[in-house]
C-alpha atoms as a PDB file:
ATOM      1  CA  MET A   1       0.227   0.049  -0.036  1.00  0.00           C
ATOM      2  CA  ASN A   2       1.314   3.460  -0.889  1.00  0.00           C
ATOM      3  CA  SER A   3       1.816   6.287   1.703  1.00  0.00           C
ATOM      4  CA  ILE A   4       2.521   9.810   1.327  1.00  0.00           C
ATOM      5  CA  THR A   5       6.560   8.611   1.786  1.00  0.00           C
ATOM      6  CA  SER A   6       6.364   6.923  -1.336  1.00  0.00           C
ATOM      7  CA  VAL A   7       4.797   9.372  -3.094  1.00  0.00           C
ATOM      8  CA  LEU A   8       7.391  11.801  -2.452  1.00  0.00           C
ATOM      9  CA  GLN A   9      10.089   8.810  -3.563  1.00  0.00           C
ATOM     10  CA  GLU A  10       8.142   8.379  -6.784  1.00  0.00           C
ATOM     11  CA  ILE A  11       8.363  11.799  -7.355  1.00  0.00           C
ATOM     12  CA  ARG A  12      11.929  12.169  -7.057  1.00  0.00           C
ATOM     13  CA  LYS A  13      12.559   9.175  -8.688  1.00  0.00           C
ATOM     14  CA  ARG A  14       9.869   9.685 -12.126  1.00  0.00           C
ATOM     15  CA  SER A  15      10.039  13.478 -12.030  1.00  0.00           C
ATOM     16  CA  PRO A  16       6.790  13.849 -13.574  1.00  0.00           C
ATOM     17  CA  LEU A  17       5.920  16.292 -16.315  1.00  0.00           C
ATOM     18  CA  VAL A  18       3.362  18.502 -14.851  1.00  0.00           C
ATOM     19  CA  HIS A  19       1.604  21.028 -17.673  1.00  0.00           C
ATOM     20  CA  ASN A  20       0.607  24.273 -16.087  1.00  0.00           C
ATOM     21  CA  ILE A  21      -1.761  26.479 -17.661  1.00  0.00           C
ATOM     22  CA  THR A  22      -1.763  29.022 -14.644  1.00  0.00           C
ATOM     23  CA  ASN A  23      -1.618  32.785 -14.279  1.00  0.00           C
ATOM     24  CA  TYR A  24       0.617  35.504 -14.860  1.00  0.00           C
ATOM     25  CA  VAL A  25       1.294  36.163 -11.235  1.00  0.00           C
ATOM     26  CA  VAL A  26       2.844  32.665  -9.781  1.00  0.00           C
ATOM     27  CA  MET A  27       4.044  31.182 -13.199  1.00  0.00           C
ATOM     28  CA  ASN A  28       7.926  31.345 -11.914  1.00  0.00           C
ATOM     29  CA  ASN A  29       7.009  30.489  -7.871  1.00  0.00           C
ATOM     30  CA  THR A  30       4.914  27.562  -9.521  1.00  0.00           C
ATOM     31  CA  ALA A  31       7.831  26.549 -11.928  1.00  0.00           C
ATOM     32  CA  ASN A  32      10.428  26.732  -9.156  1.00  0.00           C
ATOM     33  CA  ALA A  33       8.487  24.778  -6.678  1.00  0.00           C
ATOM     34  CA  LEU A  34       7.819  21.894  -8.850  1.00  0.00           C
ATOM     35  CA  LEU A  35      11.562  21.775 -10.042  1.00  0.00           C
ATOM     36  CA  ALA A  36      12.506  21.652  -6.384  1.00  0.00           C
ATOM     37  CA  VAL A  37      10.408  18.990  -4.962  1.00  0.00           C
ATOM     38  CA  GLY A  38      11.788  16.779  -8.109  1.00  0.00           C
ATOM     39  CA  ALA A  39       8.733  17.372 -10.556  1.00  0.00           C
ATOM     40  CA  SER A  40       9.260  18.663 -14.350  1.00  0.00           C
ATOM     41  CA  PRO A  41       7.163  21.604 -15.137  1.00  0.00           C
ATOM     42  CA  VAL A  42       5.644  23.010 -18.300  1.00  0.00           C
ATOM     43  CA  MET A  43       4.123  26.334 -18.858  1.00  0.00           C
ATOM     44  CA  ALA A  44       2.089  26.127 -22.145  1.00  0.00           C
ATOM     45  CA  HIS A  45      -0.563  28.106 -23.057  1.00  0.00           C
ATOM     46  CA  ALA A  46      -0.746  28.382 -26.648  1.00  0.00           C
ATOM     47  CA  ILE A  47      -3.973  26.915 -28.164  1.00  0.00           C
ATOM     48  CA  GLU A  48      -1.707  25.274 -31.368  1.00  0.00           C
ATOM     49  CA  GLU A  49       0.414  23.298 -28.997  1.00  0.00           C
ATOM     50  CA  ILE A  50      -1.981  21.910 -25.930  1.00  0.00           C
ATOM     51  CA  GLU A  51      -3.290  18.884 -27.238  1.00  0.00           C
ATOM     52  CA  ASP A  52       0.478  17.754 -28.096  1.00  0.00           C
ATOM     53  CA  ILE A  53       1.783  19.147 -24.356  1.00  0.00           C
ATOM     54  CA  VAL A  54      -1.141  17.105 -22.535  1.00  0.00           C
ATOM     55  CA  THR A  55      -0.411  13.927 -24.722  1.00  0.00           C
ATOM     56  CA  ILE A  56       3.045  13.695 -23.184  1.00  0.00           C
ATOM     57  CA  SER A  57       2.571  15.078 -19.879  1.00  0.00           C
ATOM     58  CA  SER A  58       2.013  13.305 -16.534  1.00  0.00           C
ATOM     59  CA  SER A  59      -0.286  15.546 -15.352  1.00  0.00           C
ATOM     60  CA  LEU A  60      -2.490  18.775 -15.936  1.00  0.00           C
ATOM     61  CA  VAL A  61      -2.957  21.822 -13.706  1.00  0.00           C
ATOM     62  CA  ILE A  62      -5.720  24.266 -14.607  1.00  0.00           C
ATOM     63  CA  ASN A  63      -5.598  27.386 -12.749  1.00  0.00           C
ATOM     64  CA  MET A  64      -7.800  30.059 -13.772  1.00  0.00           C
ATOM     65  CA  GLY A  65      -6.376  33.029 -11.492  1.00  0.00           C
ATOM     66  CA  THR A  66      -5.667  35.375 -14.728  1.00  0.00           C
ATOM     67  CA  LEU A  67      -8.390  34.591 -17.248  1.00  0.00           C
ATOM     68  CA  SER A  68      -8.850  35.485 -20.794  1.00  0.00           C
ATOM     69  CA  GLU A  69     -10.560  34.324 -23.709  1.00  0.00           C
ATOM     70  CA  LYS A  70      -7.751  32.551 -25.522  1.00  0.00           C
ATOM     71  CA  TRP A  71      -6.542  31.057 -22.023  1.00  0.00           C
ATOM     72  CA  VAL A  72     -10.119  29.629 -21.334  1.00  0.00           C
ATOM     73  CA  GLU A  73     -10.174  28.116 -24.978  1.00  0.00           C
ATOM     74  CA  SER A  74      -6.501  26.411 -24.172  1.00  0.00           C
ATOM     75  CA  MET A  75      -8.300  25.447 -20.615  1.00  0.00           C
ATOM     76  CA  LEU A  76     -11.275  23.644 -22.117  1.00  0.00           C
ATOM     77  CA  LEU A  77      -9.085  22.038 -25.137  1.00  0.00           C
ATOM     78  CA  ALA A  78      -6.403  20.787 -22.723  1.00  0.00           C
ATOM     79  CA  VAL A  79      -9.224  19.253 -20.061  1.00  0.00           C
ATOM     80  CA  GLU A  80     -11.049  17.870 -22.886  1.00  0.00           C
ATOM     81  CA  LYS A  81      -7.928  16.210 -24.324  1.00  0.00           C
ATOM     82  CA  ALA A  82      -6.854  14.996 -20.748  1.00  0.00           C
ATOM     83  CA  LYS A  83     -10.300  13.331 -20.957  1.00  0.00           C
ATOM     84  CA  ALA A  84      -9.601  11.454 -23.991  1.00  0.00           C
ATOM     85  CA  THR A  85      -5.948  10.281 -23.273  1.00  0.00           C
ATOM     86  CA  ASN A  86      -6.770   9.602 -19.240  1.00  0.00           C
ATOM     87  CA  THR A  87      -4.311  12.188 -18.072  1.00  0.00           C
ATOM     88  CA  PRO A  88      -4.914  13.164 -14.524  1.00  0.00           C
ATOM     89  CA  PHE A  89      -5.515  16.648 -13.696  1.00  0.00           C
ATOM     90  CA  VAL A  90      -6.293  19.315 -10.867  1.00  0.00           C
ATOM     91  CA  PHE A  91      -8.592  22.140 -11.194  1.00  0.00           C
ATOM     92  CA  ASP A  92      -7.941  25.754  -9.049  1.00  0.00           C
ATOM     93  CA  PRO A  93     -11.016  27.789  -9.131  1.00  0.00           C
ATOM     94  CA  VAL A  94      -9.500  31.078  -8.454  1.00  0.00           C
ATOM     95  CA  GLY A  95     -11.705  33.626  -7.129  1.00  0.00           C
ATOM     96  CA  VAL A  96     -14.994  31.769  -8.270  1.00  0.00           C
ATOM     97  CA  GLY A  97     -17.895  33.742  -7.253  1.00  0.00           C
ATOM     98  CA  ALA A  98     -16.059  37.044  -7.201  1.00  0.00           C
ATOM     99  CA  SER A  99     -17.301  37.757 -11.019  1.00  0.00           C
ATOM    100  CA  GLN A 100     -19.989  36.467 -12.948  1.00  0.00           C
ATOM    101  CA  TYR A 101     -17.424  35.248 -15.767  1.00  0.00           C
ATOM    102  CA  ARG A 102     -15.473  33.153 -13.012  1.00  0.00           C
ATOM    103  CA  THR A 103     -18.155  31.408 -11.924  1.00  0.00           C
ATOM    104  CA  GLU A 104     -19.183  30.858 -15.788  1.00  0.00           C
ATOM    105  CA  VAL A 105     -15.506  29.474 -16.787  1.00  0.00           C
ATOM    106  CA  SER A 106     -15.681  27.210 -13.423  1.00  0.00           C
ATOM    107  CA  GLN A 107     -18.822  25.503 -14.778  1.00  0.00           C
ATOM    108  CA  MET A 108     -17.314  25.528 -18.520  1.00  0.00           C
ATOM    109  CA  ILE A 109     -14.344  23.468 -17.180  1.00  0.00           C
ATOM    110  CA  LEU A 110     -16.465  21.424 -14.813  1.00  0.00           C
ATOM    111  CA  ASN A 111     -19.192  20.577 -17.573  1.00  0.00           C
ATOM    112  CA  ALA A 112     -15.782  19.615 -20.010  1.00  0.00           C
ATOM    113  CA  ALA A 113     -13.964  17.039 -17.841  1.00  0.00           C
ATOM    114  CA  ILE A 114     -14.120  16.166 -14.340  1.00  0.00           C
ATOM    115  CA  PRO A 115     -11.111  17.044 -12.228  1.00  0.00           C
ATOM    116  CA  ASN A 116      -9.407  14.084 -10.408  1.00  0.00           C
ATOM    117  CA  VAL A 117      -9.007  16.746  -7.778  1.00  0.00           C
ATOM    118  CA  ILE A 118     -10.308  20.284  -7.184  1.00  0.00           C
ATOM    119  CA  ARG A 119      -8.289  22.354  -4.609  1.00  0.00           C
ATOM    120  CA  GLY A 120      -9.329  26.128  -3.256  1.00  0.00           C
ATOM    121  CA  ASN A 121      -9.404  27.946  -0.232  1.00  0.00           C
ATOM    122  CA  ALA A 122     -13.142  28.045   1.925  1.00  0.00           C
ATOM    123  CA  SER A 123     -14.875  30.766  -0.078  1.00  0.00           C
ATOM    124  CA  GLU A 124     -13.965  29.268  -3.479  1.00  0.00           C
ATOM    125  CA  ILE A 125     -15.014  25.729  -2.460  1.00  0.00           C
ATOM    126  CA  MET A 126     -18.340  27.212  -1.124  1.00  0.00           C
ATOM    127  CA  ALA A 127     -18.693  29.108  -3.893  1.00  0.00           C
ATOM    128  CA  LEU A 128     -18.063  25.975  -5.993  1.00  0.00           C
ATOM    129  CA  ALA A 129     -20.371  23.881  -4.013  1.00  0.00           C
ATOM    130  CA  LYS A 130     -23.471  27.039  -4.617  1.00  0.00           C
ATOM    131  CA  LEU A 131     -23.549  27.285  -0.873  1.00  0.00           C
ATOM    132  CA  THR A 132     -22.152  30.995  -0.714  1.00  0.00           C
ATOM    133  CA  ASN A 133     -21.536  33.313  -3.709  1.00  0.00           C
ATOM    134  CA  SER A 134     -19.508  35.613  -1.597  1.00  0.00           C
ATOM    135  CA  THR A 135     -15.508  35.718  -1.959  1.00  0.00           C
ATOM    136  CA  LYS A 136     -13.036  38.456  -1.248  1.00  0.00           C
ATOM    137  CA  GLY A 137     -10.845  38.248  -4.542  1.00  0.00           C
ATOM    138  CA  VAL A 138      -8.477  35.169  -4.066  1.00  0.00           C
ATOM    139  CA  ASP A 139      -8.867  35.316  -0.357  1.00  0.00           C
ATOM    140  CA  SER A 140     -11.011  33.113   1.984  1.00  0.00           C
ATOM    141  CA  THR A 141     -13.302  35.173   4.202  1.00  0.00           C
ATOM    142  CA  ILE A 142     -14.633  31.938   5.421  1.00  0.00           C
ATOM    143  CA  ASP A 143     -12.807  29.468   7.918  1.00  0.00           C
ATOM    144  CA  THR A 144     -11.603  26.134   6.093  1.00  0.00           C
ATOM    145  CA  GLN A 145     -13.798  23.880   8.906  1.00  0.00           C
ATOM    146  CA  ASP A 146     -17.175  25.741   7.381  1.00  0.00           C
ATOM    147  CA  ALA A 147     -16.829  24.550   3.948  1.00  0.00           C
ATOM    148  CA  ILE A 148     -16.230  20.915   4.632  1.00  0.00           C
ATOM    149  CA  GLU A 149     -20.046  20.402   3.777  1.00  0.00           C
ATOM    150  CA  GLY A 150     -19.492  21.949   0.439  1.00  0.00           C
ATOM    151  CA  ALA A 151     -16.489  20.119  -0.391  1.00  0.00           C
ATOM    152  CA  THR A 152     -18.009  16.874   0.475  1.00  0.00           C
ATOM    153  CA  LEU A 153     -21.082  17.673  -1.776  1.00  0.00           C
ATOM    154  CA  LEU A 154     -18.985  18.476  -4.118  1.00  0.00           C
ATOM    155  CA  SER A 155     -16.652  15.242  -4.091  1.00  0.00           C
ATOM    156  CA  LYS A 156     -19.777  13.225  -3.973  1.00  0.00           C
ATOM    157  CA  LYS A 157     -21.421  14.883  -6.763  1.00  0.00           C
ATOM    158  CA  PHE A 158     -17.861  14.469  -9.225  1.00  0.00           C
ATOM    159  CA  ASN A 159     -16.977  11.254  -7.073  1.00  0.00           C
ATOM    160  CA  ASN A 160     -13.133  13.000  -6.993  1.00  0.00           C
ATOM    161  CA  THR A 161     -11.262  14.306  -4.346  1.00  0.00           C
ATOM    162  CA  VAL A 162     -11.900  18.183  -3.119  1.00  0.00           C
ATOM    163  CA  VAL A 163      -8.866  20.292  -0.894  1.00  0.00           C
ATOM    164  CA  ILE A 164      -9.627  22.909   1.337  1.00  0.00           C
ATOM    165  CA  SER A 165      -6.314  24.587   1.973  1.00  0.00           C
ATOM    166  CA  GLY A 166      -5.864  27.123   4.674  1.00  0.00           C
ATOM    167  CA  GLU A 167      -4.555  27.199   8.571  1.00  0.00           C
ATOM    168  CA  THR A 168      -5.506  23.554   8.410  1.00  0.00           C
ATOM    169  CA  ASP A 169      -5.820  21.615   5.200  1.00  0.00           C
ATOM    170  CA  TYR A 170      -8.996  19.431   4.471  1.00  0.00           C
ATOM    171  CA  ILE A 171      -9.042  16.314   1.902  1.00  0.00           C
ATOM    172  CA  ILE A 172     -11.884  15.041   1.106  1.00  0.00           C
ATOM    173  CA  THR A 173     -12.875  11.873  -0.885  1.00  0.00           C
ATOM    174  CA  GLY A 174     -16.755  11.232  -0.137  1.00  0.00           C
ATOM    175  CA  ASP A 175     -17.357  10.876   3.335  1.00  0.00           C
ATOM    176  CA  THR A 176     -13.328   9.847   3.813  1.00  0.00           C
ATOM    177  CA  VAL A 177     -11.807  13.395   5.382  1.00  0.00           C
ATOM    178  CA  SER A 178      -8.094  13.909   6.186  1.00  0.00           C
ATOM    179  CA  LYS A 179      -7.020  16.854   8.022  1.00  0.00           C
ATOM    180  CA  ILE A 180      -3.007  18.269   7.870  1.00  0.00           C
ATOM    181  CA  GLU A 181      -2.336  20.644  10.259  1.00  0.00           C
ATOM    182  CA  ASN A 182       1.276  21.911   9.212  1.00  0.00           C
ATOM    183  CA  GLY A 183       2.507  25.310   7.638  1.00  0.00           C
ATOM    184  CA  SER A 184       3.317  28.265   8.660  1.00  0.00           C
ATOM    185  CA  PRO A 185       1.489  31.826   9.300  1.00  0.00           C
ATOM    186  CA  LEU A 186       3.836  33.313   6.420  1.00  0.00           C
ATOM    187  CA  MET A 187       2.523  31.470   3.729  1.00  0.00           C
ATOM    188  CA  ALA A 188      -0.577  33.731   3.667  1.00  0.00           C
ATOM    189  CA  LYS A 189       1.915  36.167   3.213  1.00  0.00           C
ATOM    190  CA  ILE A 190       3.153  35.073  -0.124  1.00  0.00           C
ATOM    191  CA  THR A 191       1.413  35.157  -3.284  1.00  0.00           C
ATOM    192  CA  GLY A 192       0.216  32.320  -5.095  1.00  0.00           C
ATOM    193  CA  MET A 193       0.955  29.625  -2.310  1.00  0.00           C
ATOM    194  CA  GLY A 194      -2.461  27.815  -2.955  1.00  0.00           C
ATOM    195  CA  CYS A 195      -1.314  27.996  -6.568  1.00  0.00           C
ATOM    196  CA  THR A 196       1.736  26.447  -5.613  1.00  0.00           C
ATOM    197  CA  ALA A 197      -0.333  23.744  -3.840  1.00  0.00           C
ATOM    198  CA  THR A 198      -2.127  23.100  -6.574  1.00  0.00           C
ATOM    199  CA  ALA A 199       0.846  22.659  -8.658  1.00  0.00           C
ATOM    200  CA  MET A 200       1.979  20.151  -5.954  1.00  0.00           C
ATOM    201  CA  VAL A 201      -1.119  18.387  -6.340  1.00  0.00           C
ATOM    202  CA  GLY A 202      -0.379  17.874  -9.805  1.00  0.00           C
ATOM    203  CA  ALA A 203       3.126  16.829  -9.290  1.00  0.00           C
ATOM    204  CA  CYS A 204       1.423  13.823  -6.811  1.00  0.00           C
ATOM    205  CA  LEU A 205      -0.986  12.843  -9.412  1.00  0.00           C
ATOM    206  CA  GLY A 206       1.359  12.028 -12.059  1.00  0.00           C
ATOM    207  CA  VAL A 207       2.658   9.569  -9.905  1.00  0.00           C
ATOM    208  CA  GLU A 208      -0.321   8.267  -8.144  1.00  0.00           C
ATOM    209  CA  GLU A 209      -3.392   7.320  -9.512  1.00  0.00           C
ATOM    210  CA  ASN A 210      -5.086   7.375  -5.815  1.00  0.00           C
ATOM    211  CA  SER A 211      -6.589  10.766  -5.998  1.00  0.00           C
ATOM    212  CA  HIS A 212      -6.955  11.501  -1.936  1.00  0.00           C
ATOM    213  CA  LEU A 213      -3.470   9.437  -1.216  1.00  0.00           C
ATOM    214  CA  ALA A 214      -1.800  12.244  -4.040  1.00  0.00           C
ATOM    215  CA  ALA A 215      -4.288  15.474  -2.803  1.00  0.00           C
ATOM    216  CA  THR A 216      -2.884  14.282   1.129  1.00  0.00           C
ATOM    217  CA  THR A 217       0.596  14.164  -0.044  1.00  0.00           C
ATOM    218  CA  ALA A 218       0.801  17.048  -1.698  1.00  0.00           C
ATOM    219  CA  MET A 219      -0.915  19.493   1.242  1.00  0.00           C
ATOM    220  CA  ALA A 220       1.604  17.550   3.558  1.00  0.00           C
ATOM    221  CA  ILE A 221       4.579  18.519   1.711  1.00  0.00           C
ATOM    222  CA  MET A 222       3.639  22.130   1.393  1.00  0.00           C
ATOM    223  CA  GLY A 223       2.976  22.242   5.283  1.00  0.00           C
ATOM    224  CA  VAL A 224       6.365  20.816   6.166  1.00  0.00           C
ATOM    225  CA  ALA A 225       8.252  22.473   3.682  1.00  0.00           C
ATOM    226  CA  GLY A 226       6.443  25.944   5.115  1.00  0.00           C
ATOM    227  CA  GLU A 227       7.812  24.650   8.690  1.00  0.00           C
ATOM    228  CA  LEU A 228      11.088  24.039   7.725  1.00  0.00           C
ATOM    229  CA  ALA A 229      11.334  27.456   6.071  1.00  0.00           C
ATOM    230  CA  ASN A 230       9.734  29.218   8.839  1.00  0.00           C
ATOM    231  CA  GLY A 231      12.356  28.833  11.453  1.00  0.00           C
ATOM    232  CA  LYS A 232      14.794  30.219   9.152  1.00  0.00           C
ATOM    233  CA  SER A 233      13.140  33.441   7.891  1.00  0.00           C
ATOM    234  CA  ALA A 234      12.797  36.798   8.997  1.00  0.00           C
ATOM    235  CA  GLY A 235       9.771  37.887   6.807  1.00  0.00           C
ATOM    236  CA  PRO A 236       8.200  37.139   3.577  1.00  0.00           C
ATOM    237  CA  GLY A 237      10.968  37.305   1.384  1.00  0.00           C
ATOM    238  CA  SER A 238      13.413  35.564   3.105  1.00  0.00           C
ATOM    239  CA  PHE A 239      10.690  33.025   3.595  1.00  0.00           C
ATOM    240  CA  GLN A 240       9.933  32.546   0.172  1.00  0.00           C
ATOM    241  CA  MET A 241      13.544  31.709  -0.462  1.00  0.00           C
ATOM    242  CA  ASN A 242      13.608  29.148   2.487  1.00  0.00           C
ATOM    243  CA  PHE A 243      10.310  27.767   1.696  1.00  0.00           C
ATOM    244  CA  TYR A 244      11.905  26.464  -1.908  1.00  0.00           C
ATOM    245  CA  ASP A 245      14.772  24.960  -0.100  1.00  0.00           C
ATOM    246  CA  GLY A 246      12.468  23.119   2.213  1.00  0.00           C
ATOM    247  CA  LEU A 247      10.624  21.601  -0.800  1.00  0.00           C
ATOM    248  CA  PHE A 248      14.285  20.590  -1.751  1.00  0.00           C
ATOM    249  CA  GLU A 249      15.511  19.173   1.463  1.00  0.00           C
ATOM    250  CA  ILE A 250      12.228  17.442   2.308  1.00  0.00           C
ATOM    251  CA  THR A 251      13.139  13.806   2.506  1.00  0.00           C
ATOM    252  CA  PRO A 252      10.325  10.947   3.425  1.00  0.00           C
ATOM    253  CA  GLU A 253      11.770  10.774   6.781  1.00  0.00           C
ATOM    254  CA  ILE A 254      11.496  14.445   7.381  1.00  0.00           C
ATOM    255  CA  LEU A 255       7.782  14.190   5.707  1.00  0.00           C
ATOM    256  CA  GLU A 256       6.990  11.167   7.965  1.00  0.00           C
ATOM    257  CA  ALA A 257       8.705  13.018  11.223  1.00  0.00           C
ATOM    258  CA  LYS A 258       7.180  16.270  10.931  1.00  0.00           C
ATOM    259  CA  VAL A 259       3.768  15.622   9.133  1.00  0.00           C
ATOM    260  CA  LYS A 260       0.904  16.169  11.513  1.00  0.00           C
ATOM    261  CA  ILE A 261      -2.088  14.087   9.792  1.00  0.00           C
ATOM    262  CA  ASN A 262      -5.652  12.812  11.351  1.00  0.00           C
ATOM    263  CA  ALA A 263      -8.179  11.000   9.166  1.00  0.00           C
END
């Protein structure tokens, strides 16, 4: 039986190619984080090459942080190709509910293909579950605990895994709930940490077909790397640098020793 430590080992061993259709703000952060943990990132958005890149990738990451018409076309083509090639993908509905356009795009993506994992903050998950339509940009205004009901509804509807990230991370697959309580307060001071978590899910999905285990591993890696960085950092600037080092330095032994996980 696989474990979170074996998933990390497989990432280091196989260096999965993670295809990211993500936003302008986080591309550099996301690529560096994937490289640091041992995966191989590709940032391909051009509609002319989307299908080719999906075909050769281990997983697909769809992040709607900075939307435009052409990128939405690329996202839809990518998820349709992923469905056809059985390429696992993770969807990050950034800011869903904050505008009608974001809500419409998220529905278009979900109608095109069901993600193996949906990852968002509490507000986004609740908006996606249509339990609330109040989001504050990409920052959560709701506690992660309050979004569990919405995440469970989503997971059962799509027969997939839903991740609510926050001070405490929840990974929900049907009636199975895992909780991770690692991390650092400084993570909330760095732009795109949630987007990085989504990409980390993509890396784990690239080597592990069990979506619950893959998502749990990703959030464990993020949290433990955050704690490793926290002790070395004076503020957000040094934390970001030390976080990449934490992803690079983390071993299966460190992950097993430091992760705070409850099922």
